[in-house]
C-alpha atoms as a PDB file:
ATOM      1  CA  MET A   1     270.780 141.996 213.534  1.00  0.00           C
ATOM      2  CA  THR A   2     271.177 141.114 217.130  1.00  0.00           C
ATOM      3  CA  THR A   3     273.953 139.260 218.973  1.00  0.00           C
ATOM      4  CA  ILE A   4     274.542 138.390 222.656  1.00  0.00           C
ATOM      5  CA  GLU A   5     278.017 139.597 223.397  1.00  0.00           C
ATOM      6  CA  THR A   6     279.447 142.559 225.498  1.00  0.00           C
ATOM      7  CA  GLY A   7     279.430 146.225 224.517  1.00  0.00           C
ATOM      8  CA  LYS A   8     276.663 148.495 223.017  1.00  0.00           C
ATOM      9  CA  LEU A   9     277.210 148.655 219.326  1.00  0.00           C
ATOM     10  CA  GLU A  10     279.452 146.405 217.360  1.00  0.00           C
ATOM     11  CA  LEU A  11     280.772 146.845 213.821  1.00  0.00           C
ATOM     12  CA  VAL A  12     279.461 143.705 211.923  1.00  0.00           C
ATOM     13  CA  GLY A  13     280.344 144.500 208.287  1.00  0.00           C
ATOM     14  CA  LYS A  14     280.409 146.899 205.310  1.00  0.00           C
ATOM     15  CA  SER A  15     278.300 147.044 202.147  1.00  0.00           C
ATOM     16  CA  ARG A  16     279.293 148.654 198.867  1.00  0.00           C
ATOM     17  CA  THR A  17     276.301 151.033 197.990  1.00  0.00           C
ATOM     18  CA  SER A  18     277.193 151.156 194.265  1.00  0.00           C
ATOM     19  CA  PRO A  19     280.087 150.325 191.755  1.00  0.00           C
ATOM     20  CA  THR A  20     281.152 154.015 191.668  1.00  0.00           C
ATOM     21  CA  GLU A  21     281.517 154.189 195.379  1.00  0.00           C
ATOM     22  CA  MET A  22     284.241 151.471 196.046  1.00  0.00           C
ATOM     23  CA  LYS A  23     286.486 153.593 198.308  1.00  0.00           C
ATOM     24  CA  GLN A  24     284.178 154.211 201.247  1.00  0.00           C
ATOM     25  CA  GLY A  25     282.061 151.349 202.567  1.00  0.00           C
ATOM     26  CA  LYS A  26     278.779 151.730 204.371  1.00  0.00           C
ATOM     27  CA  VAL A  27     279.200 150.922 208.037  1.00  0.00           C
ATOM     28  CA  CYS A  28     276.645 148.536 209.417  1.00  0.00           C
ATOM     29  CA  TYR A  29     276.186 148.447 213.316  1.00  0.00           C
ATOM     30  CA  ALA A  30     274.229 145.868 215.269  1.00  0.00           C
ATOM     31  CA  ASP A  31     272.539 146.435 218.561  1.00  0.00           C
ATOM     32  CA  VAL A  32     274.278 144.020 220.902  1.00  0.00           C
ATOM     33  CA  PHE A  33     271.978 142.235 223.327  1.00  0.00           C
ATOM     34  CA  LYS A  34     273.800 141.572 226.549  1.00  0.00           C
ATOM     35  CA  LEU A  35     272.831 139.495 229.477  1.00  0.00           C
ATOM     36  CA  THR A  36     273.197 142.432 231.615  1.00  0.00           C
ATOM     37  CA  ASP A  37     270.188 144.022 229.603  1.00  0.00           C
ATOM     38  CA  LEU A  38     267.886 141.324 231.092  1.00  0.00           C
ATOM     39  CA  PRO A  39     266.950 143.285 234.331  1.00  0.00           C
ATOM     40  CA  ASP A  40     265.996 146.256 232.320  1.00  0.00           C
ATOM     41  CA  ILE A  41     263.648 144.259 230.063  1.00  0.00           C
ATOM     42  CA  MET A  42     262.069 142.724 233.121  1.00  0.00           C
ATOM     43  CA  GLU A  43     261.530 146.165 234.543  1.00  0.00           C
ATOM     44  CA  LYS A  44     259.752 147.254 231.213  1.00  0.00           C
ATOM     45  CA  ALA A  45     257.509 144.307 231.742  1.00  0.00           C
ATOM     46  CA  ALA A  46     256.887 145.133 235.358  1.00  0.00           C
ATOM     47  CA  TRP A  47     258.646 141.943 236.715  1.00  0.00           C
ATOM     48  CA  LYS A  48     260.274 143.939 239.383  1.00  0.00           C
ATOM     49  CA  ARG A  49     261.070 140.955 241.812  1.00  0.00           C
ATOM     50  CA  GLY A  50     262.688 139.016 238.884  1.00  0.00           C
ATOM     51  CA  ALA A  51     264.810 142.083 237.948  1.00  0.00           C
ATOM     52  CA  ILE A  52     266.111 142.635 241.649  1.00  0.00           C
ATOM     53  CA  LEU A  53     267.216 138.907 241.796  1.00  0.00           C
ATOM     54  CA  MET A  54     268.923 139.089 238.292  1.00  0.00           C
ATOM     55  CA  ARG A  55     270.691 142.240 239.038  1.00  0.00           C
ATOM     56  CA  LYS A  56     272.020 140.829 242.417  1.00  0.00           C
ATOM     57  CA  TRP A  57     273.215 137.549 240.618  1.00  0.00           C
ATOM     58  CA  LEU A  58     274.994 139.714 237.816  1.00  0.00           C
ATOM     59  CA  SER A  59     276.633 142.055 240.262  1.00  0.00           C
ATOM     60  CA  SER A  60     277.889 139.454 242.751  1.00  0.00           C
ATOM     61  CA  ASN A  61     281.235 137.747 242.736  1.00  0.00           C
ATOM     62  CA  ALA A  62     281.228 134.345 240.831  1.00  0.00           C
ATOM     63  CA  TYR A  63     279.912 131.618 243.085  1.00  0.00           C
ATOM     64  CA  ALA A  64     278.453 128.241 241.828  1.00  0.00           C
ATOM     65  CA  MET A  65     276.054 126.597 244.196  1.00  0.00           C
ATOM     66  CA  SER A  66     276.765 122.927 244.820  1.00  0.00           C
ATOM     67  CA  ASP A  67     274.036 120.297 244.211  1.00  0.00           C
ATOM     68  CA  GLU A  68     273.956 119.709 248.191  1.00  0.00           C
ATOM     69  CA  GLU A  69     273.363 123.333 248.715  1.00  0.00           C
ATOM     70  CA  LYS A  70     270.579 123.589 246.166  1.00  0.00           C
ATOM     71  CA  ARG A  71     268.860 120.427 247.556  1.00  0.00           C
ATOM     72  CA  SER A  72     268.940 121.674 251.269  1.00  0.00           C
ATOM     73  CA  LEU A  73     271.328 119.024 252.218  1.00  0.00           C
ATOM     74  CA  THR A  74     273.675 121.711 253.933  1.00  0.00           C
ATOM     75  CA  ASP A  75     272.899 124.150 256.768  1.00  0.00           C
ATOM     76  CA  ALA A  76     271.478 127.244 255.075  1.00  0.00           C
ATOM     77  CA  ARG A  77     273.105 129.436 257.915  1.00  0.00           C
ATOM     78  CA  LEU A  78     276.498 128.501 256.471  1.00  0.00           C
ATOM     79  CA  TYR A  79     275.724 129.792 252.943  1.00  0.00           C
ATOM     80  CA  PRO A  80     277.598 132.928 252.053  1.00  0.00           C
ATOM     81  CA  ALA A  81     275.852 135.798 253.812  1.00  0.00           C
ATOM     82  CA  GLY A  82     276.056 138.230 250.751  1.00  0.00           C
ATOM     83  CA  LEU A  83     274.304 135.644 248.512  1.00  0.00           C
ATOM     84  CA  THR A  84     271.394 134.867 250.940  1.00  0.00           C
ATOM     85  CA  ASP A  85     268.418 136.964 250.088  1.00  0.00           C
ATOM     86  CA  CYS A  86     265.893 137.208 252.766  1.00  0.00           C
ATOM     87  CA  SER A  87     264.014 140.475 251.509  1.00  0.00           C
ATOM     88  CA  THR A  88     263.096 140.310 247.834  1.00  0.00           C
ATOM     89  CA  LEU A  89     260.359 137.815 248.256  1.00  0.00           C
ATOM     90  CA  THR A  90     257.481 138.200 250.810  1.00  0.00           C
ATOM     91  CA  MET A  91     254.545 135.923 251.463  1.00  0.00           C
ATOM     92  CA  GLU A  92     252.038 138.706 250.943  1.00  0.00           C
ATOM     93  CA  TRP A  93     253.444 139.150 247.314  1.00  0.00           C
ATOM     94  CA  LEU A  94     253.656 135.325 246.718  1.00  0.00           C
ATOM     95  CA  LEU A  95     250.210 134.683 247.891  1.00  0.00           C
ATOM     96  CA  SER A  96     248.830 137.324 245.479  1.00  0.00           C
ATOM     97  CA  PHE A  97     249.442 134.772 242.630  1.00  0.00           C
ATOM     98  CA  PRO A  98     246.429 132.258 242.411  1.00  0.00           C
ATOM     99  CA  ARG A  99     248.769 129.251 241.728  1.00  0.00           C
ATOM    100  CA  ALA A 100     250.925 129.910 244.816  1.00  0.00           C
ATOM    101  CA  LYS A 101     247.859 130.638 246.981  1.00  0.00           C
ATOM    102  CA  LYS A 102     246.130 127.416 245.992  1.00  0.00           C
ATOM    103  CA  GLU A 103     249.255 125.291 247.020  1.00  0.00           C
ATOM    104  CA  TYR A 104     249.364 127.346 250.401  1.00  0.00           C
ATOM    105  CA  ASP A 105     245.820 126.582 251.350  1.00  0.00           C
ATOM    106  CA  LEU A 106     246.458 122.879 250.759  1.00  0.00           C
ATOM    107  CA  ILE A 107     248.924 122.941 253.692  1.00  0.00           C
ATOM    108  CA  PHE A 108     246.057 123.158 256.074  1.00  0.00           C
ATOM    109  CA  GLY A 109     243.919 120.636 254.616  1.00  0.00           C
ATOM    110  CA  LYS A 110     240.180 120.920 253.575  1.00  0.00           C
ATOM    111  CA  LYS A 111     237.059 119.889 255.239  1.00  0.00           C
ATOM    112  CA  ALA A 112     234.386 118.800 253.067  1.00  0.00           C
ATOM    113  CA  TRP A 113     230.950 116.768 253.312  1.00  0.00           C
ATOM    114  CA  VAL A 114     232.313 113.995 250.956  1.00  0.00           C
ATOM    115  CA  ARG A 115     235.934 113.838 251.381  1.00  0.00           C
ATOM    116  CA  SER A 116     238.301 115.904 253.804  1.00  0.00           C
ATOM    117  CA  THR A 117     241.905 116.280 253.538  1.00  0.00           C
ATOM    118  CA  PRO A 118     244.163 116.348 256.603  1.00  0.00           C
ATOM    119  CA  PRO A 119     246.577 119.243 257.028  1.00  0.00           C
ATOM    120  CA  LEU A 120     249.865 118.402 255.229  1.00  0.00           C
ATOM    121  CA  TYR A 121     251.948 118.842 258.476  1.00  0.00           C
ATOM    122  CA  GLU A 122     250.195 115.913 260.086  1.00  0.00           C
ATOM    123  CA  SER A 123     251.438 113.409 257.638  1.00  0.00           C
ATOM    124  CA  GLU A 124     253.630 110.512 258.789  1.00  0.00           C
ATOM    125  CA  SER A 125     256.634 111.806 256.994  1.00  0.00           C
ATOM    126  CA  ALA A 126     256.286 115.227 258.445  1.00  0.00           C
ATOM    127  CA  ARG A 127     256.060 113.706 261.983  1.00  0.00           C
ATOM    128  CA  ARG A 128     259.277 111.741 261.353  1.00  0.00           C
ATOM    129  CA  GLU A 129     261.028 114.879 260.052  1.00  0.00           C
ATOM    130  CA  LEU A 130     259.975 117.019 263.084  1.00  0.00           C
ATOM    131  CA  VAL A 131     261.060 114.240 265.564  1.00  0.00           C
ATOM    132  CA  LYS A 132     264.535 114.288 263.740  1.00  0.00           C
ATOM    133  CA  LYS A 133     264.701 118.067 264.222  1.00  0.00           C
ATOM    134  CA  LEU A 134     263.915 117.915 267.756  1.00  0.00           C
ATOM    135  CA  VAL A 135     266.510 115.200 268.519  1.00  0.00           C
ATOM    136  CA  LYS A 136     268.934 117.124 266.947  1.00  0.00           C
ATOM    137  CA  SER A 137     268.035 120.255 269.084  1.00  0.00           C
ATOM    138  CA  GLY A 138     268.016 118.274 272.211  1.00  0.00           C
ATOM    139  CA  LYS A 139     264.343 118.651 272.906  1.00  0.00           C
ATOM    140  CA  PHE A 140     263.795 115.007 274.366  1.00  0.00           C
ATOM    141  CA  SER A 141     264.750 115.519 277.907  1.00  0.00           C
ATOM    142  CA  ASN A 142     263.405 115.164 281.492  1.00  0.00           C
ATOM    143  CA  ARG A 143     261.603 118.377 281.531  1.00  0.00           C
ATOM    144  CA  PRO A 144     259.256 120.312 279.139  1.00  0.00           C
ATOM    145  CA  GLU A 145     261.105 121.803 276.174  1.00  0.00           C
ATOM    146  CA  VAL A 146     259.909 124.539 274.049  1.00  0.00           C
ATOM    147  CA  PHE A 147     260.802 124.477 270.416  1.00  0.00           C
ATOM    148  CA  GLY A 148     260.540 126.828 267.405  1.00  0.00           C
ATOM    149  CA  ASP A 149     260.915 130.601 267.449  1.00  0.00           C
ATOM    150  CA  PHE A 150     259.537 132.496 264.644  1.00  0.00           C
ATOM    151  CA  LYS A 151     261.290 135.487 265.605  1.00  0.00           C
ATOM    152  CA  ASP A 152     264.554 133.854 264.505  1.00  0.00           C
ATOM    153  CA  ALA A 153     266.104 134.593 261.056  1.00  0.00           C
ATOM    154  CA  VAL A 154     264.442 132.356 258.484  1.00  0.00           C
ATOM    155  CA  PRO A 155     267.583 130.444 257.623  1.00  0.00           C
ATOM    156  CA  ALA A 156     267.759 129.400 261.309  1.00  0.00           C
ATOM    157  CA  ILE A 157     263.860 128.479 261.387  1.00  0.00           C
ATOM    158  CA  ASN A 158     264.721 126.358 258.188  1.00  0.00           C
ATOM    159  CA  GLU A 159     267.303 124.230 260.103  1.00  0.00           C
ATOM    160  CA  LEU A 160     265.719 124.139 263.646  1.00  0.00           C
ATOM    161  CA  SER A 161     261.953 123.708 263.303  1.00  0.00           C
ATOM    162  CA  GLN A 162     261.050 123.246 259.753  1.00  0.00           C
ATOM    163  CA  PHE A 163     259.650 119.846 259.036  1.00  0.00           C
ATOM    164  CA  GLN A 164     257.424 119.695 255.786  1.00  0.00           C
ATOM    165  CA  ILE A 165     257.380 121.082 252.347  1.00  0.00           C
ATOM    166  CA  LYS A 166     254.936 122.002 249.620  1.00  0.00           C
ATOM    167  CA  LYS A 167     256.217 122.444 246.091  1.00  0.00           C
ATOM    168  CA  VAL A 168     254.750 125.228 243.973  1.00  0.00           C
ATOM    169  CA  GLY A 169     255.630 124.441 240.284  1.00  0.00           C
ATOM    170  CA  GLU A 170     255.196 125.670 236.725  1.00  0.00           C
ATOM    171  CA  ARG A 171     253.940 122.354 235.414  1.00  0.00           C
ATOM    172  CA  ASP A 172     250.423 123.467 234.527  1.00  0.00           C
ATOM    173  CA  PHE A 173     251.797 126.665 232.862  1.00  0.00           C
ATOM    174  CA  LYS A 174     254.325 124.633 230.818  1.00  0.00           C
ATOM    175  CA  VAL A 175     251.724 122.052 229.712  1.00  0.00           C
ATOM    176  CA  GLN A 176     249.426 124.872 228.542  1.00  0.00           C
ATOM    177  CA  SER A 177     251.987 127.068 226.759  1.00  0.00           C
ATOM    178  CA  TYR A 178     254.326 124.398 225.337  1.00  0.00           C
ATOM    179  CA  GLY A 179     251.250 122.340 224.217  1.00  0.00           C
ATOM    180  CA  ALA A 180     249.649 125.090 222.271  1.00  0.00           C
ATOM    181  CA  ALA A 181     252.879 125.806 220.683  1.00  0.00           C
ATOM    182  CA  ALA A 182     253.489 122.317 219.787  1.00  0.00           C
ATOM    183  CA  MET A 183     249.937 122.158 217.937  1.00  0.00           C
ATOM    184  CA  SER A 184     250.560 125.365 215.899  1.00  0.00           C
ATOM    185  CA  GLU A 185     254.464 124.916 215.455  1.00  0.00           C
ATOM    186  CA  LEU A 186     254.594 128.562 215.932  1.00  0.00           C
ATOM    187  CA  PHE A 187     256.493 130.553 218.697  1.00  0.00           C
ATOM    188  CA  PHE A 188     254.103 131.068 221.524  1.00  0.00           C
ATOM    189  CA  SER A 189     254.004 133.678 224.156  1.00  0.00           C
ATOM    190  CA  ASP A 190     252.338 132.602 227.267  1.00  0.00           C
ATOM    191  CA  PRO A 191     249.684 135.036 228.514  1.00  0.00           C
ATOM    192  CA  ASP A 192     250.235 134.006 232.146  1.00  0.00           C
ATOM    193  CA  LEU A 193     254.031 134.906 231.992  1.00  0.00           C
ATOM    194  CA  ASP A 194     254.430 136.915 235.129  1.00  0.00           C
ATOM    195  CA  ASP A 195     256.979 138.206 237.873  1.00  0.00           C
ATOM    196  CA  LEU A 196     256.542 134.983 239.775  1.00  0.00           C
ATOM    197  CA  TRP A 197     257.550 132.905 236.849  1.00  0.00           C
ATOM    198  CA  VAL A 198     260.651 135.067 236.088  1.00  0.00           C
ATOM    199  CA  ALA A 199     261.666 135.401 239.811  1.00  0.00           C
ATOM    200  CA  CYS A 200     260.960 131.723 240.909  1.00  0.00           C
ATOM    201  CA  ALA A 201     259.506 129.273 238.357  1.00  0.00           C
ATOM    202  CA  ASP A 202     259.409 126.354 240.762  1.00  0.00           C
ATOM    203  CA  PHE A 203     259.835 126.947 244.477  1.00  0.00           C
ATOM    204  CA  LEU A 204     259.155 125.352 247.784  1.00  0.00           C
ATOM    205  CA  PHE A 205     256.744 126.460 250.672  1.00  0.00           C
ATOM    206  CA  LYS A 206     258.501 125.239 253.877  1.00  0.00           C
ATOM    207  CA  ILE A 207     256.524 124.604 256.960  1.00  0.00           C
ATOM    208  CA  ALA A 208     257.822 125.022 260.404  1.00  0.00           C
ATOM    209  CA  GLY A 209     256.315 124.544 263.959  1.00  0.00           C
ATOM    210  CA  GLU A 210     256.311 126.277 267.424  1.00  0.00           C
ATOM    211  CA  GLY A 211     255.421 124.163 270.340  1.00  0.00           C
ATOM    212  CA  VAL A 212     256.496 122.123 273.284  1.00  0.00           C
ATOM    213  CA  VAL A 213     257.734 118.529 273.975  1.00  0.00           C
ATOM    214  CA  ILE A 214     256.276 117.221 277.188  1.00  0.00           C
ATOM    215  CA  PRO A 215     258.097 114.201 278.755  1.00  0.00           C
ATOM    216  CA  GLY A 216     255.894 111.310 280.455  1.00  0.00           C
ATOM    217  CA  ASP A 217     256.916 108.592 282.880  1.00  0.00           C
ATOM    218  CA  ALA A 218     260.514 108.462 283.858  1.00  0.00           C
ATOM    219  CA  ALA A 219     262.410 105.504 282.147  1.00  0.00           C
ATOM    220  CA  SER A 220     263.900 102.851 284.108  1.00  0.00           C
ATOM    221  CA  PRO A 221     267.898 102.541 284.152  1.00  0.00           C
ATOM    222  CA  GLN A 222     267.588  99.668 281.591  1.00  0.00           C
ATOM    223  CA  GLU A 223     265.278 101.721 279.274  1.00  0.00           C
ATOM    224  CA  GLN A 224     267.529 104.635 279.684  1.00  0.00           C
ATOM    225  CA  GLN A 225     270.507 102.629 278.637  1.00  0.00           C
ATOM    226  CA  SER A 226     268.725 101.144 275.598  1.00  0.00           C
ATOM    227  CA  TYR A 227     267.101 104.410 274.165  1.00  0.00           C
ATOM    228  CA  ARG A 228     269.456 106.930 275.777  1.00  0.00           C
ATOM    229  CA  LEU A 229     266.169 108.972 276.812  1.00  0.00           C
ATOM    230  CA  PRO A 230     265.120 109.930 280.286  1.00  0.00           C
ATOM    231  CA  ALA A 231     261.451 109.366 279.740  1.00  0.00           C
ATOM    232  CA  LYS A 232     259.491 106.320 278.479  1.00  0.00           C
ATOM    233  CA  TRP A 233     257.334 108.563 276.262  1.00  0.00           C
ATOM    234  CA  TYR A 234     256.878 112.065 275.078  1.00  0.00           C
ATOM    235  CA  GLU A 235     254.047 114.164 273.798  1.00  0.00           C
ATOM    236  CA  VAL A 236     254.816 116.631 271.210  1.00  0.00           C
ATOM    237  CA  VAL A 237     252.377 119.727 270.986  1.00  0.00           C
ATOM    238  CA  VAL A 238     252.515 122.034 267.983  1.00  0.00           C
ATOM    239  CA  ASN A 239     250.700 125.309 268.733  1.00  0.00           C
ATOM    240  CA  ASN A 240     251.656 127.331 265.764  1.00  0.00           C
ATOM    241  CA  ILE A 241     252.636 126.789 262.161  1.00  0.00           C
ATOM    242  CA  GLY A 242     254.769 128.962 260.032  1.00  0.00           C
ATOM    243  CA  VAL A 243     255.020 128.856 256.468  1.00  0.00           C
ATOM    244  CA  PHE A 244     257.860 130.692 254.235  1.00  0.00           C
ATOM    245  CA  ALA A 245     259.293 130.280 250.750  1.00  0.00           C
ATOM    246  CA  ARG A 246     262.605 128.946 249.786  1.00  0.00           C
ATOM    247  CA  ASP A 247     264.222 128.828 246.449  1.00  0.00           C
ATOM    248  CA  THR A 248     267.677 128.981 244.776  1.00  0.00           C
ATOM    249  CA  TYR A 249     268.419 131.489 242.074  1.00  0.00           C
ATOM    250  CA  ASP A 250     271.083 129.758 239.934  1.00  0.00           C
ATOM    251  CA  PHE A 251     271.732 128.854 236.420  1.00  0.00           C
ATOM    252  CA  ASN A 252     273.378 125.367 236.922  1.00  0.00           C
ATOM    253  CA  GLY A 253     272.894 122.583 234.251  1.00  0.00           C
ATOM    254  CA  ALA A 254     271.477 122.966 230.887  1.00  0.00           C
ATOM    255  CA  GLN A 255     268.007 124.886 230.637  1.00  0.00           C
ATOM    256  CA  TYR A 256     266.081 126.762 227.978  1.00  0.00           C
ATOM    257  CA  LEU A 257     265.042 130.034 229.340  1.00  0.00           C
ATOM    258  CA  GLY A 258     263.004 131.435 226.178  1.00  0.00           C
ATOM    259  CA  HIS A 259     263.592 133.643 223.428  1.00  0.00           C
ATOM    260  CA  TRP A 260     264.039 137.214 224.585  1.00  0.00           C
ATOM    261  CA  ARG A 261     264.137 140.704 223.011  1.00  0.00           C
ATOM    262  CA  LYS A 262     264.515 144.236 224.546  1.00  0.00           C
ATOM    263  CA  THR A 263     262.692 146.338 221.791  1.00  0.00           C
ATOM    264  CA  LYS A 264     259.049 145.874 222.443  1.00  0.00           C
ATOM    265  CA  GLN A 265     256.260 143.593 223.833  1.00  0.00           C
ATOM    266  CA  PRO A 266     256.146 140.616 224.008  1.00  0.00           C
ATOM    267  CA  PHE A 267     259.645 140.623 225.494  1.00  0.00           C
ATOM    268  CA  VAL A 268     259.709 136.840 225.839  1.00  0.00           C
ATOM    269  CA  ARG A 269     258.591 134.016 223.388  1.00  0.00           C
ATOM    270  CA  LEU A 270     258.547 130.217 224.193  1.00  0.00           C
ATOM    271  CA  TYR A 271     259.053 127.554 221.610  1.00  0.00           C
ATOM    272  CA  ALA A 272     257.559 124.183 222.068  1.00  0.00           C
ATOM    273  CA  LEU A 273     260.856 122.573 220.980  1.00  0.00           C
ATOM    274  CA  GLY A 274     262.983 125.170 222.807  1.00  0.00           C
ATOM    275  CA  GLU A 275     266.279 125.878 221.150  1.00  0.00           C
ATOM    276  CA  SER A 276     265.790 123.256 218.555  1.00  0.00           C
ATOM    277  CA  ARG A 277     262.713 125.049 217.222  1.00  0.00           C
ATOM    278  CA  GLY A 278     264.781 126.637 214.515  1.00  0.00           C
ATOM    279  CA  THR A 279     264.992 130.321 213.335  1.00  0.00           C
ATOM    280  CA  CYS A 280     263.277 133.170 214.874  1.00  0.00           C
ATOM    281  CA  PRO A 281     262.894 136.936 214.189  1.00  0.00           C
ATOM    282  CA  ASP A 282     266.310 138.854 214.278  1.00  0.00           C
ATOM    283  CA  ASP A 283     265.251 140.682 217.354  1.00  0.00           C
ATOM    284  CA  TYR A 284     264.802 137.719 219.459  1.00  0.00           C
ATOM    285  CA  LEU A 285     267.643 135.717 221.065  1.00  0.00           C
ATOM    286  CA  ILE A 286     267.833 132.433 222.996  1.00  0.00           C
ATOM    287  CA  VAL A 287     268.633 132.613 226.566  1.00  0.00           C
ATOM    288  CA  ASN A 288     269.741 129.488 228.389  1.00  0.00           C
ATOM    289  CA  ASN A 289     271.734 128.525 231.630  1.00  0.00           C
ATOM    290  CA  GLN A 290     274.716 127.872 229.261  1.00  0.00           C
ATOM    291  CA  LYS A 291     275.057 131.731 228.610  1.00  0.00           C
ATOM    292  CA  PHE A 292     274.989 132.561 232.160  1.00  0.00           C
ATOM    293  CA  THR A 293     277.778 129.998 233.093  1.00  0.00           C
ATOM    294  CA  ALA A 294     279.845 131.239 230.165  1.00  0.00           C
ATOM    295  CA  HIS A 295     279.358 134.834 231.515  1.00  0.00           C
ATOM    296  CA  ARG A 296     280.432 133.715 234.958  1.00  0.00           C
ATOM    297  CA  GLU A 297     283.663 132.297 233.623  1.00  0.00           C
ATOM    298  CA  GLU A 298     284.331 135.265 231.337  1.00  0.00           C
ATOM    299  CA  THR A 299     283.668 138.072 233.819  1.00  0.00           C
ATOM    300  CA  GLY A 300     284.094 136.656 237.408  1.00  0.00           C
ATOM    301  CA  LYS A 301     280.683 137.784 238.146  1.00  0.00           C
ATOM    302  CA  GLY A 302     277.565 135.718 238.881  1.00  0.00           C
ATOM    303  CA  GLY A 303     276.681 134.398 242.312  1.00  0.00           C
ATOM    304  CA  ASP A 304     274.094 131.926 242.774  1.00  0.00           C
ATOM    305  CA  LEU A 305     271.454 132.952 245.455  1.00  0.00           C
ATOM    306  CA  MET A 306     269.821 131.226 248.208  1.00  0.00           C
ATOM    307  CA  VAL A 307     266.466 132.963 248.643  1.00  0.00           C
ATOM    308  CA  PHE A 308     263.973 133.006 251.545  1.00  0.00           C
ATOM    309  CA  SER A 309     260.711 134.895 252.092  1.00  0.00           C
ATOM    310  CA  ASP A 310     259.745 136.143 255.290  1.00  0.00           C
ATOM    311  CA  ILE A 311     257.325 133.869 257.457  1.00  0.00           C
ATOM    312  CA  ARG A 312     253.542 133.779 257.849  1.00  0.00           C
ATOM    313  CA  THR A 313     252.384 132.371 260.998  1.00  0.00           C
ATOM    314  CA  THR A 314     248.974 130.712 261.965  1.00  0.00           C
ATOM    315  CA  LYS A 315     248.029 129.838 265.483  1.00  0.00           C
ATOM    316  CA  LEU A 316     246.187 126.541 265.461  1.00  0.00           C
ATOM    317  CA  ARG A 317     242.716 126.586 266.904  1.00  0.00           C
ATOM    318  CA  THR A 318     243.314 123.005 268.041  1.00  0.00           C
ATOM    319  CA  PRO A 319     247.084 122.237 268.506  1.00  0.00           C
ATOM    320  CA  TYR A 320     248.347 119.346 266.772  1.00  0.00           C
ATOM    321  CA  ARG A 321     249.513 116.647 269.275  1.00  0.00           C
ATOM    322  CA  PHE A 322     251.210 113.263 268.956  1.00  0.00           C
ATOM    323  CA  ARG A 323     252.605 110.936 271.443  1.00  0.00           C
ATOM    324  CA  LEU A 324     255.636 108.423 270.881  1.00  0.00           C
ATOM    325  CA  THR A 325     257.757 106.276 272.911  1.00  0.00           C
ATOM    326  CA  SER A 326     261.363 106.391 273.425  1.00  0.00           C
ATOM    327  CA  LYS A 327     261.475 103.312 271.376  1.00  0.00           C
ATOM    328  CA  ASP A 328     259.615 105.028 268.387  1.00  0.00           C
ATOM    329  CA  ILE A 329     262.120 107.874 268.563  1.00  0.00           C
ATOM    330  CA  GLN A 330     264.873 105.467 268.304  1.00  0.00           C
ATOM    331  CA  SER A 331     263.280 103.502 265.380  1.00  0.00           C
ATOM    332  CA  ILE A 332     262.808 106.877 263.446  1.00  0.00           C
ATOM    333  CA  LEU A 333     266.607 107.786 263.948  1.00  0.00           C
ATOM    334  CA  LEU A 334     267.617 104.282 262.889  1.00  0.00           C
ATOM    335  CA  GLN A 335     265.400 104.464 259.578  1.00  0.00           C
ATOM    336  CA  SER A 336     266.975 107.909 258.956  1.00  0.00           C
ATOM    337  CA  HIS A 337     270.561 106.399 259.167  1.00  0.00           C
ATOM    338  CA  ALA A 338     269.645 103.547 257.065  1.00  0.00           C
ATOM    339  CA  THR A 339     268.474 105.740 254.232  1.00  0.00           C
END
């Protein structure tokens, strides 16, 4: 019998072995499954990055990430330093997983005889986001202004020169594993369950730029008064692209995280219907977000993490250039305020 409480062994009952032995009962113990056992299970399965993040969450003082922090609506540099992890994930490790490498390659577009795909960072939405970041940094002046510095800490790059994203998700994995489970109505262990799934599941590749903003003709006094910029137009030149991963390690909201056990492989089973699938073998336990939030409330431990990888940089053979007028810049800012 397995429970998910605190402690190692727990007295769960007594059984009478025979009618003649009524004075002394037989003591029965159950091996108690604790949330703090999960990192050890991950280590057994060679899910090392997942184990590191789990241990850090469990050992940190309680902190529940806000929805604004989770959605990158706040400055990442202001997140608690002890809960900002910039060392566990590396781009080299992430790109060793084919599903992550596939999404990374799409960032740079694809050239083909029939249909070419432009780089993701050249999209209209990316251009608008870059312009907003450059305005915020005061880069539209009366002299050339360099922007982006990939030697900065990644949370600073995230705020100052990041302007496009590419999501890496678990959708295909879920469709395959849960779909097969639904067909058979048996528990199902995904053969592709790996350290990337345990550590990240869904995460973002974030795209940043290094380059220069070059002012054009000087604006007239009337134009300066209207658009509050010293030049009539500007050319933005992106020379280098940097890509890094950003994720949050939190257990907010309701989410099924599988049936786990610590005795032998497979350590995790996934049910098509999640927690409502019904009974499972005694040595498997349901793990979900609710158990982690309860653990935080009971122990005062459990700090949600803001996670960044290092940055991988690419020097563009042909710099990405675009020109826009002061009126264009003002229009982008007005649209941003309207939304």
